[in-house]
Amino acid sequence: MSKKQSTALGTEPISKLLVKQAVPASIGILVMSLNMIVDTIFVGRWIGPQAISAITVVIPFTFFIAAIGLAVGIGGSSVLSRALGAGDEEKALRVFGNQITITTLISGSLAIIGLVFQDFFIEFFGAADSYKEMALTYYRIVLYGILMLALCMMGNNVIRAEGKPKFAMYAMILPAVGNILMDYILIKVLGYGMEGAAWATFISYGICFGFIFWFFVAKSELRLKLKSFKLEPTIFKEISGLSGVTLARQGIISVLGILLNNVLITYGDALDQASYGIISRMLMFALFPVIGVTQGFMPIAGYNYGAKKYTRVRETINTSIKYAGILALLIFAIIMSFPDFFVSIFLSDKGGDAQTIADNAEIFARTPNALRWVFAATPIIVVQLIGSAYFQSIGKAVPALLLSLTKQGFFLIPLILILPPFIGVWGVWIAFPIADVLSTVVTGFFLNKEVKTKLALQEEG
């Protein structure tokens, strides 16, 4: 076997490595986020603002199913990175095979359950009668392909763990471009409406799955054998312990999405749900470079921790926080300066019927200030992101789990339940920066303690 690219994670300068890992990850996330934004723009402009609400109530559940693959990918790749760092190639193969089996069994089962009980779930998600049928149409078709997306999310993290981030980037770019193209053809040209938007998404999942399958057949260091797919209790336990961190975080995000939709329809209306749909897309899009740095950080930290190069681990933490912090400050300045512009791109300026015109005007009046509130604490969130990612990358599942849940689980959800009864919908928006500040303080405390009391006392082997 040729020399592994993964060994560079333990030898190259940290700044160079972080750029090499983070830039492709950031580009991939950017394109994926742009895909979701363009998808929402097309739906809002060519179908109507109610369609944005329809997609918004569907996404929490469908993304939770797909997040099974993300969780198994991130958790398993932490194990895989450390196995590669320790030179244990056989274990790395068994881990990867188990990742595929776990993702297929769990995500596939949830997709079937979601289809059987689709009417119940759509109502539970907080769909209003005005767009319920559109939501059902989108939900049903997307679930047909959700297993492909779950396997893509899992495989993408394994690709990065091998030290080949450019291929991971391609795996996100290709389906994004495909989805945008199919959106235009199916919605604008052929006029298939919400059904067209859903099938465009389905096709994009297939493109991603096809590319990742090709990578592991033609380019990967990991040459799987049939026995690699057999579930092993020890490996399953190791993967699931760390995957539980990401799955719990994604699960909380899904619960948060469902809760937000129900709170917004209780204290506001469907247009507030549309506002949240716009803001949630902006959260995914605007933070792409920060998330890219976080994803680039994880394989570097995990590999060097497995190789007992603790000085490099400390340097990786400090460099990642510095780079991500600069990017977060820039994002904050742009969002605070141009919120009206970002909101306007989602709304049609071509007229339409009287109700659509009125809905667009009302959404534009409500959303910019809400967007400012949600992004108000952006410059400090990097500590929370890098801190929880650090504990996950080195295999410390319990602190990683607790820290990853601090924002959404421990602070944001309770605040969303407490504030709106007193101050209405604005209670939802101001809950975001409060949760960001509190979670950053907690994570910063534990990360600082870990660096000073554990890493500083370790000697490199």
Protein backbone atom coordinates (compact mmCIF):
# COMPACT_ATOMS: atom_id res chain seq x y z
CA MET A 1 0.00 0.00 0.00
CA SER A 2 1.32 3.42 -0.89
CA LYS A 3 2.18 6.03 1.70
CA LYS A 4 -0.99 7.41 3.24
CA GLN A 5 -1.96 10.99 2.84
CA SER A 6 -3.33 10.77 6.38
CA THR A 7 0.22 10.78 7.82
CA ALA A 8 0.53 14.43 6.80
CA LEU A 9 -1.90 15.25 9.61
CA GLY A 10 0.87 14.51 12.09
CA THR A 11 3.78 16.19 10.32
CA GLU A 12 2.81 19.30 8.34
CA PRO A 13 2.59 22.75 10.01
CA ILE A 14 -0.75 23.25 11.77
CA SER A 15 -1.67 26.47 9.96
CA LYS A 16 -1.00 24.88 6.58
CA LEU A 17 -2.92 21.76 7.55
CA LEU A 18 -5.88 23.73 8.86
CA VAL A 19 -6.11 25.74 5.66
CA LYS A 20 -5.78 22.57 3.59
CA GLN A 21 -8.55 20.87 5.57
CA ALA A 22 -10.81 23.87 6.23
CA VAL A 23 -10.87 25.53 2.80
CA PRO A 24 -12.29 22.52 0.93
CA ALA A 25 -14.72 21.85 3.79
CA SER A 26 -15.78 25.50 3.76
CA ILE A 27 -16.24 25.53 0.00
CA GLY A 28 -18.28 22.36 0.19
CA ILE A 29 -20.45 23.76 2.97
CA LEU A 30 -20.77 27.05 1.08
CA VAL A 31 -22.02 25.31 -2.03
CA MET A 32 -24.34 23.06 -0.02
CA SER A 33 -25.68 26.10 1.85
CA LEU A 34 -26.06 28.05 -1.37
CA ASN A 35 -27.95 25.07 -2.70
CA MET A 36 -30.43 25.29 0.17
CA ILE A 37 -30.68 29.05 -0.15
CA VAL A 38 -31.23 28.95 -3.91
CA ASP A 39 -33.74 26.15 -3.39
CA THR A 40 -35.63 28.36 -0.93
CA ILE A 41 -35.35 31.39 -3.23
CA PHE A 42 -36.76 29.41 -6.16
CA VAL A 43 -39.58 28.04 -3.99
CA GLY A 44 -40.39 31.47 -2.54
CA ARG A 45 -40.28 33.33 -5.84
CA TRP A 46 -41.82 30.69 -8.16
CA ILE A 47 -44.29 28.94 -5.83
CA GLY A 48 -44.92 31.47 -3.02
CA PRO A 49 -44.05 32.33 0.59
CA GLN A 50 -46.34 29.58 1.93
CA ALA A 51 -44.06 27.07 0.20
CA ILE A 52 -41.14 28.33 2.32
CA SER A 53 -43.22 27.55 5.41
CA ALA A 54 -43.99 24.09 4.00
CA ILE A 55 -40.31 23.22 3.55
CA THR A 56 -39.44 24.72 6.94
CA VAL A 57 -41.76 22.36 8.84
CA VAL A 58 -40.52 19.30 6.92
CA ILE A 59 -36.78 19.81 7.26
CA PRO A 60 -36.33 19.03 11.01
CA PHE A 61 -37.48 15.42 10.62
CA THR A 62 -35.89 14.65 7.26
CA PHE A 63 -32.60 16.11 8.38
CA PHE A 64 -32.72 14.13 11.60
CA ILE A 65 -32.89 10.91 9.58
CA ALA A 66 -30.02 12.07 7.37
CA ALA A 67 -28.15 13.14 10.51
CA ILE A 68 -27.89 9.48 11.51
CA GLY A 69 -25.31 9.25 8.74
CA LEU A 70 -23.66 12.48 9.83
CA ALA A 71 -23.44 11.25 13.42
CA VAL A 72 -22.06 7.84 12.49
CA GLY A 73 -19.69 9.56 10.07
CA ILE A 74 -18.28 12.04 12.59
CA GLY A 75 -18.23 9.64 15.53
CA GLY A 76 -16.83 6.73 13.56
CA SER A 77 -14.29 8.93 11.81
CA SER A 78 -12.96 10.02 15.19
CA VAL A 79 -12.23 6.35 15.87
CA LEU A 80 -10.91 5.90 12.34
CA SER A 81 -8.60 8.94 12.52
CA ARG A 82 -7.06 7.71 15.76
CA ALA A 83 -6.66 4.21 14.30
CA LEU A 84 -4.84 5.64 11.28
CA GLY A 85 -2.72 7.80 13.59
CA ALA A 86 -1.77 4.70 15.59
CA GLY A 87 -1.03 2.71 12.40
CA ASP A 88 -3.89 0.22 12.93
CA GLU A 89 -5.16 -0.14 9.35
CA GLU A 90 -7.19 -3.27 10.04
CA LYS A 91 -9.26 -1.54 12.68
CA ALA A 92 -9.84 1.41 10.37
CA LEU A 93 -11.37 -0.96 7.79
CA ARG A 94 -13.64 -2.60 10.36
CA VAL A 95 -14.78 0.78 11.64
CA PHE A 96 -15.69 1.98 8.14
CA GLY A 97 -17.62 -1.20 7.33
CA ASN A 98 -19.56 -0.91 10.58
CA GLN A 99 -20.34 2.74 9.81
CA ILE A 100 -22.05 1.72 6.55
CA THR A 101 -24.07 -1.04 8.21
CA ILE A 102 -25.22 1.12 11.14
CA THR A 103 -26.24 4.02 8.88
CA THR A 104 -28.20 1.78 6.50
CA LEU A 105 -30.11 -0.04 9.22
CA ILE A 106 -31.10 2.97 11.31
CA SER A 107 -31.74 5.59 8.62
CA GLY A 108 -33.57 3.11 6.42
CA SER A 109 -35.86 2.06 9.26
CA LEU A 110 -36.67 5.66 10.21
CA ALA A 111 -37.46 6.55 6.60
CA ILE A 112 -39.99 3.69 6.41
CA ILE A 113 -41.62 4.77 9.68
CA GLY A 114 -41.76 8.35 8.44
CA LEU A 115 -43.55 7.30 5.25
CA VAL A 116 -46.06 5.02 7.02
CA PHE A 117 -47.07 7.76 9.49
CA GLN A 118 -46.63 10.78 7.22
CA ASP A 119 -49.96 12.45 8.02
CA PHE A 120 -49.32 12.28 11.77
CA PHE A 121 -45.80 13.67 11.46
CA ILE A 122 -46.78 16.59 9.23
CA GLU A 123 -49.42 17.74 11.74
CA PHE A 124 -47.03 17.17 14.65
CA PHE A 125 -44.40 19.36 12.96
CA GLY A 126 -46.76 22.34 13.13
CA ALA A 127 -47.94 22.58 9.52
CA ALA A 128 -50.81 25.01 9.01
CA ASP A 129 -53.80 23.97 6.89
CA SER A 130 -52.93 26.61 4.29
CA TYR A 131 -49.85 24.72 3.12
CA LYS A 132 -50.29 21.20 4.56
CA GLU A 133 -50.67 19.49 1.17
CA MET A 134 -47.53 21.18 -0.17
CA ALA A 135 -45.63 20.03 2.91
CA LEU A 136 -46.85 16.44 2.46
CA THR A 137 -45.79 16.41 -1.18
CA TYR A 138 -42.27 17.62 -0.39
CA TYR A 139 -41.91 15.37 2.67
CA ARG A 140 -42.97 12.17 0.88
CA ILE A 141 -40.63 12.50 -2.10
CA VAL A 142 -37.63 13.60 -0.03
CA LEU A 143 -38.03 10.59 2.26
CA TYR A 144 -37.76 8.27 -0.76
CA GLY A 145 -34.12 9.31 -1.11
CA ILE A 146 -33.15 10.15 2.46
CA LEU A 147 -31.08 6.96 2.94
CA MET A 148 -28.81 8.06 0.09
CA LEU A 149 -28.27 11.39 1.85
CA ALA A 150 -27.50 9.65 5.15
CA LEU A 151 -24.87 7.46 3.50
CA CYS A 152 -23.42 10.55 1.78
CA MET A 153 -23.09 12.40 5.08
CA MET A 154 -21.40 9.39 6.63
CA GLY A 155 -19.02 8.82 3.72
CA ASN A 156 -18.08 12.48 3.47
CA ASN A 157 -16.63 12.45 6.98
CA VAL A 158 -14.68 9.27 6.27
CA ILE A 159 -13.15 10.93 3.21
CA ARG A 160 -11.93 13.82 5.40
CA ALA A 161 -10.60 11.37 7.99
CA GLU A 162 -8.41 9.88 5.24
CA GLY A 163 -6.88 13.32 4.71
CA LYS A 164 -8.54 13.90 1.30
CA PRO A 165 -10.70 16.96 1.88
CA LYS A 166 -10.89 17.97 -1.79
CA PHE A 167 -12.92 14.88 -2.61
CA ALA A 168 -15.19 15.62 0.33
CA MET A 169 -15.67 19.08 -1.16
CA TYR A 170 -16.55 17.64 -4.57
CA ALA A 171 -19.11 15.38 -2.91
CA MET A 172 -20.98 18.46 -1.69
CA ILE A 173 -20.52 20.63 -4.78
CA LEU A 174 -21.81 18.18 -7.40
CA PRO A 175 -25.23 17.50 -5.85
CA ALA A 176 -25.69 21.19 -5.03
CA VAL A 177 -25.14 22.18 -8.64
CA GLY A 178 -27.41 19.34 -9.75
CA ASN A 179 -30.18 20.43 -7.39
CA ILE A 180 -30.08 24.05 -8.55
CA LEU A 181 -30.20 22.97 -12.21
CA MET A 182 -33.07 20.55 -11.61
CA ASP A 183 -34.94 23.18 -9.56
CA TYR A 184 -34.85 25.51 -12.55
CA ILE A 185 -35.97 22.82 -14.99
CA LEU A 186 -38.68 21.21 -12.85
CA ILE A 187 -40.12 24.32 -11.18
CA LYS A 188 -39.54 27.18 -13.62
CA VAL A 189 -39.50 25.47 -17.01
CA LEU A 190 -41.86 22.52 -16.50
CA GLY A 191 -44.02 24.13 -13.80
CA TYR A 192 -44.16 21.14 -11.44
CA GLY A 193 -44.31 23.37 -8.35
CA MET A 194 -43.59 21.77 -4.99
CA GLU A 195 -43.39 18.31 -6.53
CA GLY A 196 -40.65 19.57 -8.84
CA ALA A 197 -38.71 21.03 -5.90
CA ALA A 198 -38.91 17.69 -4.09
CA TRP A 199 -37.76 15.62 -7.07
CA ALA A 200 -34.88 18.03 -7.67
CA THR A 201 -33.76 17.38 -4.10
CA PHE A 202 -34.13 13.61 -4.59
CA ILE A 203 -31.98 13.73 -7.74
CA SER A 204 -29.29 15.70 -5.90
CA TYR A 205 -29.11 12.94 -3.25
CA GLY A 206 -28.54 10.41 -6.02
CA ILE A 207 -25.72 12.46 -7.54
CA CYS A 208 -23.95 12.71 -4.18
CA PHE A 209 -24.37 8.99 -3.48
CA GLY A 210 -23.00 8.09 -6.91
CA PHE A 211 -19.89 10.23 -6.45
CA ILE A 212 -19.08 8.91 -2.96
CA PHE A 213 -19.59 5.31 -4.11
CA TRP A 214 -17.13 5.97 -6.96
CA PHE A 215 -14.58 7.48 -4.55
CA PHE A 216 -14.49 4.47 -2.24
CA VAL A 217 -14.21 2.09 -5.20
CA ALA A 218 -11.56 4.03 -7.14
CA LYS A 219 -9.68 6.43 -4.84
CA SER A 220 -9.92 5.43 -1.19
CA GLU A 221 -7.18 3.90 0.95
CA LEU A 222 -9.88 1.83 2.65
CA ARG A 223 -10.39 -1.37 0.66
CA LEU A 224 -13.36 -3.01 2.32
CA LYS A 225 -13.95 -6.74 2.49
CA LEU A 226 -17.29 -8.45 3.01
CA LYS A 227 -16.45 -9.24 6.63
CA SER A 228 -15.92 -5.52 7.33
CA PHE A 229 -19.68 -4.97 7.22
CA LYS A 230 -20.39 -7.38 10.07
CA LEU A 231 -21.36 -5.49 13.22
CA GLU A 232 -18.81 -5.93 15.99
CA PRO A 233 -20.01 -5.12 19.52
CA THR A 234 -16.79 -3.39 20.60
CA ILE A 235 -16.59 -1.24 17.47
CA PHE A 236 -20.33 -0.55 17.54
CA LYS A 237 -20.00 0.63 21.14
CA GLU A 238 -17.05 2.87 20.33
CA ILE A 239 -18.74 4.38 17.28
CA SER A 240 -22.13 4.81 18.94
CA GLY A 241 -20.63 6.43 22.03
CA LEU A 242 -19.10 9.20 19.94
CA SER A 243 -21.87 9.27 17.33
CA GLY A 244 -24.30 9.90 20.16
CA VAL A 245 -22.74 13.33 20.54
CA THR A 246 -23.57 14.43 16.99
CA LEU A 247 -26.88 12.57 16.95
CA ALA A 248 -27.96 14.18 20.20
CA ARG A 249 -26.97 17.59 18.82
CA GLN A 250 -28.84 16.99 15.56
CA GLY A 251 -31.76 15.50 17.45
CA ILE A 252 -31.96 18.59 19.62
CA ILE A 253 -31.78 20.76 16.49
CA SER A 254 -34.69 18.80 15.02
CA VAL A 255 -36.67 19.10 18.25
CA LEU A 256 -35.82 22.79 18.29
CA GLY A 257 -37.08 23.18 14.72
CA ILE A 258 -40.36 21.44 15.51
CA LEU A 259 -40.76 23.46 18.71
CA LEU A 260 -40.00 26.74 16.92
CA ASN A 261 -42.58 26.03 14.23
CA ASN A 262 -45.23 25.27 16.87
CA VAL A 263 -44.33 28.29 19.03
CA LEU A 264 -44.32 30.60 16.00
CA ILE A 265 -47.73 29.42 14.83
CA THR A 266 -49.07 29.74 18.40
CA TYR A 267 -47.81 33.27 19.12
CA GLY A 268 -47.58 34.41 15.49
CA ASP A 269 -48.64 32.92 12.16
CA ALA A 270 -47.43 31.07 9.05
CA LEU A 271 -45.51 34.15 7.92
CA ASP A 272 -43.41 34.02 11.08
CA GLN A 273 -42.62 30.43 10.14
CA ALA A 274 -41.54 31.69 6.73
CA SER A 275 -39.32 34.29 8.46
CA TYR A 276 -37.71 31.52 10.47
CA GLY A 277 -37.23 29.54 7.26
CA ILE A 278 -35.27 32.45 5.79
CA ILE A 279 -33.25 32.98 8.98
CA SER A 280 -32.40 29.27 9.32
CA ARG A 281 -31.06 29.24 5.75
CA MET A 282 -28.96 32.30 6.54
CA LEU A 283 -27.56 30.57 9.63
CA MET A 284 -26.43 27.65 7.50
CA PHE A 285 -25.06 29.88 4.74
CA ALA A 286 -23.39 32.71 6.64
CA LEU A 287 -21.50 30.49 9.07
CA PHE A 288 -20.03 28.23 6.37
CA PRO A 289 -16.38 29.30 6.91
CA VAL A 290 -16.62 28.89 10.69
CA ILE A 291 -18.13 25.43 10.34
CA GLY A 292 -15.49 24.64 7.73
CA VAL A 293 -12.72 25.49 10.20
CA THR A 294 -14.43 23.30 12.81
CA GLN A 295 -14.63 20.37 10.41
CA GLY A 296 -11.03 20.90 9.34
CA PHE A 297 -9.98 21.02 12.99
CA MET A 298 -11.40 17.62 13.93
CA PRO A 299 -9.26 15.18 11.90
CA ILE A 300 -6.09 17.14 12.75
CA ALA A 301 -6.83 17.10 16.48
CA GLY A 302 -7.96 13.45 16.43
CA TYR A 303 -4.95 12.19 14.47
CA ASN A 304 -2.39 14.02 16.62
CA TYR A 305 -4.10 13.00 19.84
CA GLY A 306 -3.99 9.38 18.66
CA ALA A 307 -0.30 9.84 17.80
CA LYS A 308 0.31 11.37 21.29
CA LYS A 309 1.52 14.65 19.79
CA TYR A 310 -0.14 16.83 22.42
CA THR A 311 1.75 20.02 21.65
CA ARG A 312 0.34 19.87 18.13
CA VAL A 313 -3.13 19.31 19.57
CA ARG A 314 -2.84 22.49 21.67
CA GLU A 315 -1.58 24.42 18.68
CA THR A 316 -4.49 23.13 16.59
CA ILE A 317 -7.01 24.38 19.18
CA ASN A 318 -5.46 27.85 19.39
CA THR A 319 -5.02 28.28 15.64
CA SER A 320 -8.56 27.09 14.90
CA ILE A 321 -10.14 29.48 17.40
CA LYS A 322 -8.10 32.39 16.02
CA TYR A 323 -8.98 31.74 12.38
CA ALA A 324 -12.64 30.97 13.09
CA GLY A 325 -12.95 34.03 15.33
CA ILE A 326 -11.74 36.39 12.62
CA LEU A 327 -14.21 34.88 10.15
CA ALA A 328 -17.09 35.07 12.64
CA LEU A 329 -16.42 38.76 13.28
CA LEU A 330 -16.52 39.48 9.55
CA ILE A 331 -19.80 37.57 9.17
CA PHE A 332 -21.30 39.51 12.07
CA ALA A 333 -20.40 42.85 10.46
CA ILE A 334 -21.92 41.90 7.11
CA ILE A 335 -25.19 40.60 8.56
CA MET A 336 -25.64 43.61 10.82
CA SER A 337 -25.02 45.99 7.91
CA PHE A 338 -27.20 44.42 5.20
CA PRO A 339 -30.11 42.43 6.72
CA ASP A 340 -32.68 43.92 4.34
CA PHE A 341 -30.73 42.78 1.31
CA PHE A 342 -30.43 39.20 2.53
CA VAL A 343 -34.15 38.98 3.28
CA SER A 344 -35.16 40.54 -0.05
CA ILE A 345 -33.45 37.87 -2.16
CA PHE A 346 -35.92 35.25 -0.90
CA LEU A 347 -39.04 37.22 -1.84
CA SER A 348 -40.55 37.76 -5.24
CA ASP A 349 -40.52 41.27 -6.71
CA LYS A 350 -42.59 40.25 -9.75
CA GLY A 351 -46.00 40.88 -8.26
CA GLY A 352 -48.47 37.97 -8.13
CA ASP A 353 -51.92 37.82 -6.63
CA ALA A 354 -52.95 40.26 -3.90
CA GLN A 355 -52.38 37.75 -1.08
CA THR A 356 -48.88 36.88 -2.24
CA ILE A 357 -47.93 40.56 -2.52
CA ALA A 358 -49.28 41.22 0.99
CA ASP A 359 -47.47 38.17 2.42
CA ASN A 360 -44.15 39.21 0.87
CA ALA A 361 -44.47 42.74 2.24
CA GLU A 362 -45.25 41.48 5.72
CA ILE A 363 -42.36 39.01 5.77
CA PHE A 364 -39.98 41.76 4.61
CA ALA A 365 -41.22 44.00 7.42
CA ARG A 366 -40.70 41.35 10.11
CA THR A 367 -37.54 39.48 9.19
CA PRO A 368 -34.52 41.88 9.04
CA ASN A 369 -34.57 42.85 12.74
CA ALA A 370 -35.18 39.22 13.70
CA LEU A 371 -32.13 38.28 11.61
CA ARG A 372 -30.01 40.82 13.49
CA TRP A 373 -31.06 39.40 16.86
CA VAL A 374 -30.33 35.80 15.86
CA PHE A 375 -26.78 36.74 14.72
CA ALA A 376 -26.08 39.16 17.58
CA ALA A 377 -23.58 36.90 19.41
CA THR A 378 -21.88 35.45 16.31
CA PRO A 379 -18.32 36.69 17.13
CA ILE A 380 -18.06 34.49 20.24
CA ILE A 381 -19.64 31.22 19.09
CA VAL A 382 -16.34 29.82 17.80
CA VAL A 383 -15.27 28.85 21.32
CA GLN A 384 -18.41 26.74 21.71
CA LEU A 385 -17.98 25.08 18.31
CA ILE A 386 -14.26 24.30 18.61
CA GLY A 387 -14.58 23.29 22.27
CA SER A 388 -17.27 20.67 21.74
CA ALA A 389 -15.56 19.46 18.53
CA TYR A 390 -12.28 18.98 20.43
CA PHE A 391 -13.73 16.60 23.00
CA GLN A 392 -15.46 14.64 20.25
CA SER A 393 -12.33 14.38 18.11
CA ILE A 394 -10.27 12.90 20.95
CA GLY A 395 -12.93 10.36 21.90
CA LYS A 396 -14.27 11.90 25.13
CA ALA A 397 -17.93 11.24 24.46
CA VAL A 398 -19.55 12.47 27.69
CA PRO A 399 -18.08 16.01 27.82
CA ALA A 400 -18.49 16.28 24.05
CA LEU A 401 -22.16 15.34 24.37
CA LEU A 402 -22.86 17.75 27.21
CA LEU A 403 -21.05 20.67 25.59
CA SER A 404 -22.67 20.09 22.21
CA LEU A 405 -26.08 20.29 23.88
CA THR A 406 -25.44 23.47 25.85
CA LYS A 407 -26.78 25.96 23.32
CA GLN A 408 -29.86 24.24 21.90
CA GLY A 409 -30.69 21.81 24.69
CA PHE A 410 -29.80 23.51 27.94
CA PHE A 411 -30.44 27.15 27.02
CA LEU A 412 -32.25 27.82 23.73
CA ILE A 413 -35.17 25.41 24.09
CA PRO A 414 -36.00 26.52 27.67
CA LEU A 415 -35.74 30.19 26.64
CA ILE A 416 -38.09 29.62 23.69
CA LEU A 417 -40.60 28.03 26.04
CA ILE A 418 -40.26 30.77 28.68
CA LEU A 419 -40.01 34.06 26.74
CA PRO A 420 -42.80 34.02 24.07
CA PRO A 421 -45.70 33.79 26.56
CA PHE A 422 -44.54 37.16 27.93
CA ILE A 423 -43.22 39.01 24.87
CA GLY A 424 -44.57 37.04 21.91
CA VAL A 425 -42.59 36.14 18.80
CA TRP A 426 -39.71 38.46 19.75
CA GLY A 427 -39.01 36.08 22.60
CA VAL A 428 -37.95 33.52 19.99
CA TRP A 429 -35.48 35.83 18.30
CA ILE A 430 -33.76 37.19 21.42
CA ALA A 431 -33.44 33.68 22.84
CA PHE A 432 -30.71 32.95 20.25
CA PRO A 433 -28.01 35.44 21.38
CA ILE A 434 -28.71 34.75 25.06
CA ALA A 435 -28.18 31.02 24.46
CA ASP A 436 -25.00 31.74 22.46
CA VAL A 437 -23.46 33.75 25.29
CA LEU A 438 -24.33 31.23 28.00
CA SER A 439 -23.12 28.20 26.02
CA THR A 440 -19.86 29.94 25.10
CA VAL A 441 -19.09 30.72 28.74
CA VAL A 442 -19.70 27.10 29.78
CA THR A 443 -17.71 25.57 26.91
CA GLY A 444 -14.83 28.04 27.33
CA PHE A 445 -14.49 27.08 30.98
CA PHE A 446 -14.18 23.35 30.29
CA LEU A 447 -11.94 23.76 27.23
CA ASN A 448 -9.55 26.01 29.15
CA LYS A 449 -9.47 23.52 32.01
CA GLU A 450 -8.72 20.64 29.64
CA VAL A 451 -5.87 22.49 27.93
CA LYS A 452 -4.24 23.67 31.16
CA THR A 453 -4.67 20.56 33.31
CA LYS A 454 -4.54 17.68 30.79
CA LEU A 455 -2.76 18.56 27.56
CA ALA A 456 -0.14 20.74 29.26
CA LEU A 457 0.87 17.84 31.52
CA GLN A 458 1.18 15.25 28.76
CA GLU A 459 4.52 14.47 27.21
CA GLU A 460 4.68 13.70 23.54
CA GLY A 461 5.44 10.12 22.80
